[in-house]
Amino acid sequence: MGPSASVHVTGVRPVRAVLFDLDGTLVDSEIHTDQSISAALAQYGLADFRLPHTDTQGRTWIYIADKIRARTNIDRASSLIAADLLTHWNDVATDVKPIPGAPEAVRAAAARGLQLGVVSSSPRSVIDSFLDKLGVDDCIGPGARIGGDAVTNTKPDPEGFLLAASALAVDPADTLVFEDSQAGLLAARAAGMRSVFVTCCASDIPANTALATASCTHYRTLPPRFWDELADGSCDFASRSFT
């Protein structure tokens, strides 16, 4: 190469795909999980029952039901408990609000040409419903909507994220995950994907920040050219906190 030639090198691998968790990451719905557990357990005669956030955030209803059975003497199948939890959740989660800036972030990422997916522990029907309510249903194709009912192993297993990357035909190393839970961040790491920890609805923030590549309070705290810089590899966001 001659002395006059130049190559722009950033040292940062560009992002080709962005995968979003749903509850607590795109919509502020985690509080409704706790409400649903309380309502279901009151129905079974156990008032004021609580589970730690590590057993609820980023988890499927069947996982939560198994934890309830392990901590109580309820004589009811986990599948039936999970169905009761989802029924209560559907009753209280009709008015969930978006995480600040979430719809705009999805549209900005899509406009930049990034491939998009949603990987959630909630069922596919819940993903479809909330994407419609957020007004971004057209930004994420059906094949890249991976619910907890589509996988054998749920978060913190990477199966869901790897399925989404395969559906989008992208390398996991070229994929960025937005997550709010320990289980989700561990799953992203196990999948070989970079991650941004969304903290506004999260718990255990110091410990979970250490699991992520970067963190942000919510999408409105991201820099103005964030999506452009992700796509062209000029954004070295490792260890950064956008607040």
C-alpha atoms as a PDB file:
ATOM      1  CA  MET A   1       0.000   0.000   0.000  1.00  0.00           C
ATOM      2  CA  GLY A   2       1.424   3.344  -1.013  1.00  0.00           C
ATOM      3  CA  PRO A   3       2.140   6.121   1.479  1.00  0.00           C
ATOM      4  CA  SER A   4      -0.747   8.238   0.202  1.00  0.00           C
ATOM      5  CA  ALA A   5      -3.362   5.523   0.736  1.00  0.00           C
ATOM      6  CA  SER A   6      -5.443   5.655   3.923  1.00  0.00           C
ATOM      7  CA  VAL A   7      -7.888   3.332   5.617  1.00  0.00           C
ATOM      8  CA  HIS A   8     -10.424   4.363   8.245  1.00  0.00           C
ATOM      9  CA  VAL A   9     -10.056   1.968  11.163  1.00  0.00           C
ATOM     10  CA  THR A  10     -12.135   2.299  14.304  1.00  0.00           C
ATOM     11  CA  GLY A  11     -11.309  -1.003  15.975  1.00  0.00           C
ATOM     12  CA  VAL A  12     -15.022  -1.469  16.728  1.00  0.00           C
ATOM     13  CA  ARG A  13     -17.033  -4.171  15.033  1.00  0.00           C
ATOM     14  CA  PRO A  14     -20.137  -2.616  13.399  1.00  0.00           C
ATOM     15  CA  VAL A  15     -23.564  -3.718  14.607  1.00  0.00           C
ATOM     16  CA  ARG A  16     -25.840  -5.294  11.997  1.00  0.00           C
ATOM     17  CA  ALA A  17     -28.748  -6.388  14.193  1.00  0.00           C
ATOM     18  CA  VAL A  18     -30.389  -5.192  17.408  1.00  0.00           C
ATOM     19  CA  LEU A  19     -32.426  -7.516  19.625  1.00  0.00           C
ATOM     20  CA  PHE A  20     -34.719  -6.059  22.267  1.00  0.00           C
ATOM     21  CA  ASP A  21     -36.103  -7.735  25.329  1.00  0.00           C
ATOM     22  CA  LEU A  22     -39.723  -6.714  25.924  1.00  0.00           C
ATOM     23  CA  ASP A  23     -40.809  -6.393  29.570  1.00  0.00           C
ATOM     24  CA  GLY A  24     -38.792  -3.714  31.335  1.00  0.00           C
ATOM     25  CA  THR A  25     -36.841  -2.964  28.154  1.00  0.00           C
ATOM     26  CA  LEU A  26     -39.428  -1.749  25.633  1.00  0.00           C
ATOM     27  CA  VAL A  27     -42.446  -1.509  27.952  1.00  0.00           C
ATOM     28  CA  ASP A  28     -42.667  -0.691  31.658  1.00  0.00           C
ATOM     29  CA  SER A  29     -44.468  -3.878  32.674  1.00  0.00           C
ATOM     30  CA  GLU A  30     -42.304  -5.532  35.343  1.00  0.00           C
ATOM     31  CA  ILE A  31     -44.454  -4.136  38.171  1.00  0.00           C
ATOM     32  CA  HIS A  32     -47.426  -5.992  36.701  1.00  0.00           C
ATOM     33  CA  THR A  33     -45.563  -9.276  37.106  1.00  0.00           C
ATOM     34  CA  ASP A  34     -45.379  -8.703  40.860  1.00  0.00           C
ATOM     35  CA  GLN A  35     -49.041  -7.707  40.931  1.00  0.00           C
ATOM     36  CA  SER A  36     -50.006 -10.849  39.037  1.00  0.00           C
ATOM     37  CA  ILE A  37     -48.078 -13.082  41.425  1.00  0.00           C
ATOM     38  CA  SER A  38     -49.717 -11.429  44.428  1.00  0.00           C
ATOM     39  CA  ALA A  39     -53.191 -11.768  42.908  1.00  0.00           C
ATOM     40  CA  ALA A  40     -52.730 -15.416  41.944  1.00  0.00           C
ATOM     41  CA  LEU A  41     -51.301 -16.389  45.322  1.00  0.00           C
ATOM     42  CA  ALA A  42     -54.091 -14.556  47.144  1.00  0.00           C
ATOM     43  CA  GLN A  43     -56.481 -16.640  45.073  1.00  0.00           C
ATOM     44  CA  TYR A  44     -54.731 -19.721  46.486  1.00  0.00           C
ATOM     45  CA  GLY A  45     -55.012 -18.393  50.055  1.00  0.00           C
ATOM     46  CA  LEU A  46     -51.452 -17.045  50.342  1.00  0.00           C
ATOM     47  CA  ALA A  47     -51.507 -13.299  50.880  1.00  0.00           C
ATOM     48  CA  ASP A  48     -48.446 -11.052  50.528  1.00  0.00           C
ATOM     49  CA  PHE A  49     -46.308 -13.683  48.788  1.00  0.00           C
ATOM     50  CA  ARG A  50     -43.248 -12.294  46.997  1.00  0.00           C
ATOM     51  CA  LEU A  51     -40.433 -13.684  44.883  1.00  0.00           C
ATOM     52  CA  PRO A  52     -37.020 -12.015  44.485  1.00  0.00           C
ATOM     53  CA  HIS A  53     -36.526 -10.108  41.241  1.00  0.00           C
ATOM     54  CA  THR A  54     -33.945 -12.636  40.071  1.00  0.00           C
ATOM     55  CA  ASP A  55     -36.775 -15.187  39.981  1.00  0.00           C
ATOM     56  CA  THR A  56     -39.194 -12.951  38.046  1.00  0.00           C
ATOM     57  CA  GLN A  57     -37.364 -10.528  35.755  1.00  0.00           C
ATOM     58  CA  GLY A  58     -36.572 -12.075  32.397  1.00  0.00           C
ATOM     59  CA  ARG A  59     -38.289 -15.327  33.373  1.00  0.00           C
ATOM     60  CA  THR A  60     -41.154 -17.273  31.820  1.00  0.00           C
ATOM     61  CA  TRP A  61     -44.437 -17.843  33.639  1.00  0.00           C
ATOM     62  CA  ILE A  62     -43.694 -21.555  33.896  1.00  0.00           C
ATOM     63  CA  TYR A  63     -40.325 -20.778  35.523  1.00  0.00           C
ATOM     64  CA  ILE A  64     -42.055 -18.475  38.011  1.00  0.00           C
ATOM     65  CA  ALA A  65     -44.716 -21.119  38.648  1.00  0.00           C
ATOM     66  CA  ASP A  66     -42.008 -23.701  39.403  1.00  0.00           C
ATOM     67  CA  LYS A  67     -40.424 -21.291  41.894  1.00  0.00           C
ATOM     68  CA  ILE A  68     -43.793 -20.700  43.559  1.00  0.00           C
ATOM     69  CA  ARG A  69     -44.332 -24.433  43.920  1.00  0.00           C
ATOM     70  CA  ALA A  70     -40.847 -24.850  45.389  1.00  0.00           C
ATOM     71  CA  ARG A  71     -41.472 -22.151  48.013  1.00  0.00           C
ATOM     72  CA  THR A  72     -45.050 -23.051  48.992  1.00  0.00           C
ATOM     73  CA  ASN A  73     -47.201 -26.094  49.639  1.00  0.00           C
ATOM     74  CA  ILE A  74     -49.570 -25.329  46.760  1.00  0.00           C
ATOM     75  CA  ASP A  75     -50.954 -28.551  45.301  1.00  0.00           C
ATOM     76  CA  ARG A  76     -51.439 -27.268  41.761  1.00  0.00           C
ATOM     77  CA  ALA A  77     -49.562 -28.096  38.579  1.00  0.00           C
ATOM     78  CA  SER A  78     -47.045 -25.520  37.387  1.00  0.00           C
ATOM     79  CA  SER A  79     -48.816 -25.289  34.019  1.00  0.00           C
ATOM     80  CA  LEU A  80     -52.051 -24.290  35.769  1.00  0.00           C
ATOM     81  CA  ILE A  81     -50.285 -21.770  37.999  1.00  0.00           C
ATOM     82  CA  ALA A  82     -48.595 -20.280  34.922  1.00  0.00           C
ATOM     83  CA  ALA A  83     -51.969 -19.984  33.170  1.00  0.00           C
ATOM     84  CA  ASP A  84     -53.437 -18.232  36.230  1.00  0.00           C
ATOM     85  CA  LEU A  85     -50.472 -15.827  36.358  1.00  0.00           C
ATOM     86  CA  LEU A  86     -50.852 -14.939  32.681  1.00  0.00           C
ATOM     87  CA  THR A  87     -54.600 -14.373  33.125  1.00  0.00           C
ATOM     88  CA  HIS A  88     -54.004 -11.961  36.006  1.00  0.00           C
ATOM     89  CA  TRP A  89     -51.190 -10.278  34.059  1.00  0.00           C
ATOM     90  CA  ASN A  90     -53.412  -9.728  31.019  1.00  0.00           C
ATOM     91  CA  ASP A  91     -55.980  -8.098  33.322  1.00  0.00           C
ATOM     92  CA  VAL A  92     -53.550  -5.565  34.812  1.00  0.00           C
ATOM     93  CA  ALA A  93     -51.145  -4.945  31.933  1.00  0.00           C
ATOM     94  CA  THR A  94     -53.559  -3.229  29.562  1.00  0.00           C
ATOM     95  CA  ASP A  95     -52.234   0.249  30.370  1.00  0.00           C
ATOM     96  CA  VAL A  96     -48.477  -0.331  30.273  1.00  0.00           C
ATOM     97  CA  LYS A  97     -46.339   2.603  29.217  1.00  0.00           C
ATOM     98  CA  PRO A  98     -43.348   2.463  26.876  1.00  0.00           C
ATOM     99  CA  ILE A  99     -39.864   2.842  28.276  1.00  0.00           C
ATOM    100  CA  PRO A 100     -38.990   6.497  27.487  1.00  0.00           C
ATOM    101  CA  GLY A 101     -37.931   6.805  23.874  1.00  0.00           C
ATOM    102  CA  ALA A 102     -38.490   3.126  23.052  1.00  0.00           C
ATOM    103  CA  PRO A 103     -40.762   3.521  19.993  1.00  0.00           C
ATOM    104  CA  GLU A 104     -38.519   6.250  18.583  1.00  0.00           C
ATOM    105  CA  ALA A 105     -35.423   4.101  19.169  1.00  0.00           C
ATOM    106  CA  VAL A 106     -36.917   1.135  17.314  1.00  0.00           C
ATOM    107  CA  ARG A 107     -37.840   3.344  14.372  1.00  0.00           C
ATOM    108  CA  ALA A 108     -34.439   5.065  14.330  1.00  0.00           C
ATOM    109  CA  ALA A 109     -32.638   1.709  14.307  1.00  0.00           C
ATOM    110  CA  ALA A 110     -34.875   0.434  11.511  1.00  0.00           C
ATOM    111  CA  ALA A 111     -34.355   3.615   9.495  1.00  0.00           C
ATOM    112  CA  ARG A 112     -30.589   3.113   9.749  1.00  0.00           C
ATOM    113  CA  GLY A 113     -31.005  -0.300   8.129  1.00  0.00           C
ATOM    114  CA  LEU A 114     -30.295  -2.397  11.203  1.00  0.00           C
ATOM    115  CA  GLN A 115     -32.025  -5.766  11.436  1.00  0.00           C
ATOM    116  CA  LEU A 116     -34.391  -5.895  14.422  1.00  0.00           C
ATOM    117  CA  GLY A 117     -35.847  -8.592  16.641  1.00  0.00           C
ATOM    118  CA  VAL A 118     -37.548  -9.075  19.999  1.00  0.00           C
ATOM    119  CA  VAL A 119     -36.544 -11.906  22.327  1.00  0.00           C
ATOM    120  CA  SER A 120     -38.747 -12.181  25.388  1.00  0.00           C
ATOM    121  CA  SER A 121     -39.679 -14.650  28.090  1.00  0.00           C
ATOM    122  CA  SER A 122     -43.287 -13.581  27.498  1.00  0.00           C
ATOM    123  CA  PRO A 123     -45.340 -15.580  24.987  1.00  0.00           C
ATOM    124  CA  ARG A 124     -45.327 -14.584  21.326  1.00  0.00           C
ATOM    125  CA  SER A 125     -48.898 -13.279  21.626  1.00  0.00           C
ATOM    126  CA  VAL A 126     -47.730 -10.728  24.206  1.00  0.00           C
ATOM    127  CA  ILE A 127     -44.869  -9.608  21.951  1.00  0.00           C
ATOM    128  CA  ASP A 128     -47.287  -9.066  19.063  1.00  0.00           C
ATOM    129  CA  SER A 129     -49.727  -7.141  21.263  1.00  0.00           C
ATOM    130  CA  PHE A 130     -47.155  -4.745  22.689  1.00  0.00           C
ATOM    131  CA  LEU A 131     -45.374  -4.071  19.401  1.00  0.00           C
ATOM    132  CA  ASP A 132     -48.762  -3.065  18.022  1.00  0.00           C
ATOM    133  CA  LYS A 133     -49.441  -0.830  21.038  1.00  0.00           C
ATOM    134  CA  LEU A 134     -46.009   0.781  20.648  1.00  0.00           C
ATOM    135  CA  GLY A 135     -46.748   1.515  16.988  1.00  0.00           C
ATOM    136  CA  VAL A 136     -43.664  -0.357  15.735  1.00  0.00           C
ATOM    137  CA  ASP A 137     -45.300  -3.550  14.513  1.00  0.00           C
ATOM    138  CA  ASP A 138     -44.025  -2.910  10.975  1.00  0.00           C
ATOM    139  CA  CYS A 139     -40.384  -2.643  12.093  1.00  0.00           C
ATOM    140  CA  ILE A 140     -39.926  -6.217  13.314  1.00  0.00           C
ATOM    141  CA  GLY A 141     -40.705  -9.200  11.129  1.00  0.00           C
ATOM    142  CA  PRO A 142     -42.678 -12.187  12.427  1.00  0.00           C
ATOM    143  CA  GLY A 143     -39.695 -14.540  12.209  1.00  0.00           C
ATOM    144  CA  ALA A 144     -37.618 -12.376  14.562  1.00  0.00           C
ATOM    145  CA  ARG A 145     -40.187 -12.356  17.377  1.00  0.00           C
ATOM    146  CA  ILE A 146     -38.980 -15.059  19.740  1.00  0.00           C
ATOM    147  CA  GLY A 147     -41.216 -15.664  22.759  1.00  0.00           C
ATOM    148  CA  GLY A 148     -40.658 -17.938  25.708  1.00  0.00           C
ATOM    149  CA  ASP A 149     -43.040 -20.393  24.094  1.00  0.00           C
ATOM    150  CA  ALA A 150     -40.698 -20.774  21.082  1.00  0.00           C
ATOM    151  CA  VAL A 151     -37.664 -22.118  22.931  1.00  0.00           C
ATOM    152  CA  THR A 152     -36.760 -25.209  24.888  1.00  0.00           C
ATOM    153  CA  ASN A 153     -34.323 -23.374  27.152  1.00  0.00           C
ATOM    154  CA  THR A 154     -35.213 -19.875  28.329  1.00  0.00           C
ATOM    155  CA  LYS A 155     -32.979 -17.052  29.585  1.00  0.00           C
ATOM    156  CA  PRO A 156     -30.261 -17.165  30.900  1.00  0.00           C
ATOM    157  CA  ASP A 157     -29.772 -19.792  28.181  1.00  0.00           C
ATOM    158  CA  PRO A 158     -28.825 -18.093  24.874  1.00  0.00           C
ATOM    159  CA  GLU A 159     -31.229 -20.154  22.739  1.00  0.00           C
ATOM    160  CA  GLY A 160     -33.719 -17.340  22.111  1.00  0.00           C
ATOM    161  CA  PHE A 161     -31.073 -14.817  21.079  1.00  0.00           C
ATOM    162  CA  LEU A 162     -29.361 -17.332  18.822  1.00  0.00           C
ATOM    163  CA  LEU A 163     -32.688 -18.205  17.179  1.00  0.00           C
ATOM    164  CA  ALA A 164     -33.303 -14.529  16.454  1.00  0.00           C
ATOM    165  CA  ALA A 165     -29.809 -14.051  15.011  1.00  0.00           C
ATOM    166  CA  SER A 166     -30.347 -17.070  12.787  1.00  0.00           C
ATOM    167  CA  ALA A 167     -33.732 -15.750  11.650  1.00  0.00           C
ATOM    168  CA  LEU A 168     -32.091 -12.443  10.726  1.00  0.00           C
ATOM    169  CA  ALA A 169     -29.088 -14.205   9.123  1.00  0.00           C
ATOM    170  CA  VAL A 170     -26.574 -12.254  11.215  1.00  0.00           C
ATOM    171  CA  ASP A 171     -23.520 -13.329  13.173  1.00  0.00           C
ATOM    172  CA  PRO A 172     -24.044 -13.145  16.976  1.00  0.00           C
ATOM    173  CA  ALA A 173     -20.866 -11.042  17.191  1.00  0.00           C
ATOM    174  CA  ASP A 174     -22.552  -8.441  14.958  1.00  0.00           C
ATOM    175  CA  THR A 175     -25.610  -8.291  17.225  1.00  0.00           C
ATOM    176  CA  LEU A 176     -26.441  -5.891  20.064  1.00  0.00           C
ATOM    177  CA  VAL A 177     -28.957  -6.783  22.784  1.00  0.00           C
ATOM    178  CA  PHE A 178     -30.963  -4.364  24.937  1.00  0.00           C
ATOM    179  CA  GLU A 179     -31.919  -5.966  28.260  1.00  0.00           C
ATOM    180  CA  ASP A 180     -33.054  -5.073  31.786  1.00  0.00           C
ATOM    181  CA  SER A 181     -32.580  -8.364  33.659  1.00  0.00           C
ATOM    182  CA  GLN A 182     -29.737 -10.493  34.946  1.00  0.00           C
ATOM    183  CA  ALA A 183     -31.110 -13.535  33.118  1.00  0.00           C
ATOM    184  CA  GLY A 184     -31.236 -11.635  29.840  1.00  0.00           C
ATOM    185  CA  LEU A 185     -27.763 -10.139  30.164  1.00  0.00           C
ATOM    186  CA  LEU A 186     -26.319 -13.555  30.961  1.00  0.00           C
ATOM    187  CA  ALA A 187     -28.098 -14.979  27.916  1.00  0.00           C
ATOM    188  CA  ALA A 188     -26.685 -12.248  25.659  1.00  0.00           C
ATOM    189  CA  ARG A 189     -23.189 -12.880  26.987  1.00  0.00           C
ATOM    190  CA  ALA A 190     -23.545 -16.633  26.470  1.00  0.00           C
ATOM    191  CA  ALA A 191     -24.697 -15.974  22.890  1.00  0.00           C
ATOM    192  CA  GLY A 192     -21.520 -13.983  22.183  1.00  0.00           C
ATOM    193  CA  MET A 193     -23.466 -10.748  21.717  1.00  0.00           C
ATOM    194  CA  ARG A 194     -22.797  -7.249  23.001  1.00  0.00           C
ATOM    195  CA  SER A 195     -25.416  -5.761  25.300  1.00  0.00           C
ATOM    196  CA  VAL A 196     -26.796  -2.517  26.707  1.00  0.00           C
ATOM    197  CA  PHE A 197     -28.348  -2.688  30.170  1.00  0.00           C
ATOM    198  CA  VAL A 198     -31.497  -0.506  30.410  1.00  0.00           C
ATOM    199  CA  THR A 199     -31.626   0.578  34.042  1.00  0.00           C
ATOM    200  CA  CYS A 200     -34.783   2.665  34.518  1.00  0.00           C
ATOM    201  CA  CYS A 201     -36.960  -0.305  35.546  1.00  0.00           C
ATOM    202  CA  ALA A 202     -34.183  -2.649  36.624  1.00  0.00           C
ATOM    203  CA  SER A 203     -32.961  -4.003  39.954  1.00  0.00           C
ATOM    204  CA  ASP A 204     -29.455  -4.964  41.172  1.00  0.00           C
ATOM    205  CA  ILE A 205     -28.032  -2.223  38.976  1.00  0.00           C
ATOM    206  CA  PRO A 206     -24.323  -2.352  39.994  1.00  0.00           C
ATOM    207  CA  ALA A 207     -24.078  -6.144  39.596  1.00  0.00           C
ATOM    208  CA  ASN A 208     -26.009  -6.214  36.325  1.00  0.00           C
ATOM    209  CA  THR A 209     -24.062  -3.292  34.868  1.00  0.00           C
ATOM    210  CA  ALA A 210     -20.958  -5.441  35.201  1.00  0.00           C
ATOM    211  CA  LEU A 211     -22.591  -8.101  33.002  1.00  0.00           C
ATOM    212  CA  ALA A 212     -23.297  -5.691  30.137  1.00  0.00           C
ATOM    213  CA  THR A 213     -21.120  -4.043  27.519  1.00  0.00           C
ATOM    214  CA  ALA A 214     -22.690  -0.668  28.316  1.00  0.00           C
ATOM    215  CA  SER A 215     -25.691   0.796  30.109  1.00  0.00           C
ATOM    216  CA  CYS A 216     -28.285   3.515  29.634  1.00  0.00           C
ATOM    217  CA  THR A 217     -31.028   4.931  31.818  1.00  0.00           C
ATOM    218  CA  HIS A 218     -33.451   4.733  28.887  1.00  0.00           C
ATOM    219  CA  TYR A 219     -33.382   5.381  25.145  1.00  0.00           C
ATOM    220  CA  ARG A 220     -33.633   9.156  25.422  1.00  0.00           C
ATOM    221  CA  THR A 221     -30.269   9.200  27.186  1.00  0.00           C
ATOM    222  CA  LEU A 222     -28.487   7.651  24.182  1.00  0.00           C
ATOM    223  CA  PRO A 223     -26.338  10.042  22.076  1.00  0.00           C
ATOM    224  CA  PRO A 224     -28.061  11.671  19.070  1.00  0.00           C
ATOM    225  CA  ARG A 225     -26.116   9.676  16.436  1.00  0.00           C
ATOM    226  CA  PHE A 226     -26.017   6.439  18.401  1.00  0.00           C
ATOM    227  CA  TRP A 227     -27.692   4.230  15.758  1.00  0.00           C
ATOM    228  CA  ASP A 228     -25.605   5.661  12.894  1.00  0.00           C
ATOM    229  CA  GLU A 229     -22.380   5.135  14.826  1.00  0.00           C
ATOM    230  CA  LEU A 230     -23.351   1.572  15.753  1.00  0.00           C
ATOM    231  CA  ALA A 231     -23.907   0.701  12.118  1.00  0.00           C
ATOM    232  CA  ASP A 232     -20.679   2.214  10.812  1.00  0.00           C
ATOM    233  CA  GLY A 233     -18.496   0.961  13.671  1.00  0.00           C
ATOM    234  CA  SER A 234     -17.499   4.413  14.921  1.00  0.00           C
ATOM    235  CA  CYS A 235     -19.143   4.045  18.354  1.00  0.00           C
ATOM    236  CA  ASP A 236     -16.882   2.437  20.947  1.00  0.00           C
ATOM    237  CA  PHE A 237     -19.501   2.081  23.656  1.00  0.00           C
ATOM    238  CA  ALA A 238     -17.736  -0.547  25.774  1.00  0.00           C
ATOM    239  CA  SER A 239     -18.015   0.257  29.506  1.00  0.00           C
ATOM    240  CA  ARG A 240     -19.920   3.466  28.796  1.00  0.00           C
ATOM    241  CA  SER A 241     -22.901   4.609  30.830  1.00  0.00           C
ATOM    242  CA  PHE A 242     -25.420   6.815  29.037  1.00  0.00           C
ATOM    243  CA  THR A 243     -27.386   8.696  31.708  1.00  0.00           C
END
